[in-house]
Amino acid sequence: MNILVTGSSGFIGGHLYDQLAARGHTPIPMDSWAGTPTTDLDCLLRTIEYHHAEMIAHLGASCSTSHSLTDPTTDFHDNAVGTFNVAEAARRAGDIPVLYTSTVKVYPGADGLVAPLGLSKKVGEEYLTLYRSLYGLPSVILRPSTVYGPGQTGTAESGWVTWFLRAFLTRQPITIHGDGTQSRDILHIADFTELLVDIVEHFPNYNRAEPYDVGGGPANEVSLLDLIKALEDATGTQHPVTHDARLPGDLQRVVTDNTAITAVRSWAPTTDWAAGVRETLDWLGRQW
């Protein structure tokens, strides 16, 4: 199957691209880093037509909450406009299916606010839902919790699990926004990629209007402070940590109910968070 993968140079997109190719599919790369952004509708249409794309896995996005707060214009352009263009291009191409990764950050934070990142992703969801109703465009919308693992860059702006690991290795200080008790049910990239591939290969089974929440589940809940303590215990060292103001729209606790997504074809995460963190730390160590 010919599958257009937007964000193919990114963390999740790169893993999906490799797994699709390994399973005999023909993934078609598209990424703003390569000069082919989804914000260019004509480019999208030309790429779909030239490669005879049969499905779009839409992973390309701005994914930093802090960046969305300082530059909401770019965030809206990349996420809301980019996803609208994907929906419109899929419609013009004959209503080809769209797999869209949104975010758990569409939900209001502890302060009742939604950060621009969450809103721009929600706008994308709404357009896909509208296009389903108006034009019959099939889509699957996922709202993943924190995804982490080997291959992730991890910076102070995004990818907090890998950023903490990288900061430990390089002795860079960590700034926590808030008291650090915020928790996420972190999801290993191998588990998430397995789900994405299964959706691609069995799309009609997953096709529905309602988004699916996807995460590591209760067994993989870890707070920012939990992760730092685990790393300090493992290394026997204290790490420099400072606290700053909590970001607007920050969620206090995310523990995903995977019941709906598991009910489709029995997918469930299998990577224990401690084992996944050790694997990611080992991978980071090999980069130097």
Foldseek 3Di string as FASTA:
>chain_A
DEEEEEVCVAQLNVVLCVVCVVVPYHYDYAYVVVVHALLDLVSLLVSCVVRVHQEYEYDWADDFLVCCQVCVPVRLSRQQSSLLSVLVSCLVSPLREYEYEQAPLLAFAPVRDGGSSNVSSVNSLVSNLVCCVPPVRWYAYEHEWAEDFAPHPADLGDNPLLVLLLCVVVQNEHEAAPPFQAKIQYAYSVLVSVLVVVCVVVVVLRTDSDYAYDGQAPQRIDTRVRSQVVVCVVVVDHGHYHYHHHDGRHHRYYGHDRVVVCVRPNRHGDDGNVNRSVNRSVSVVVVD
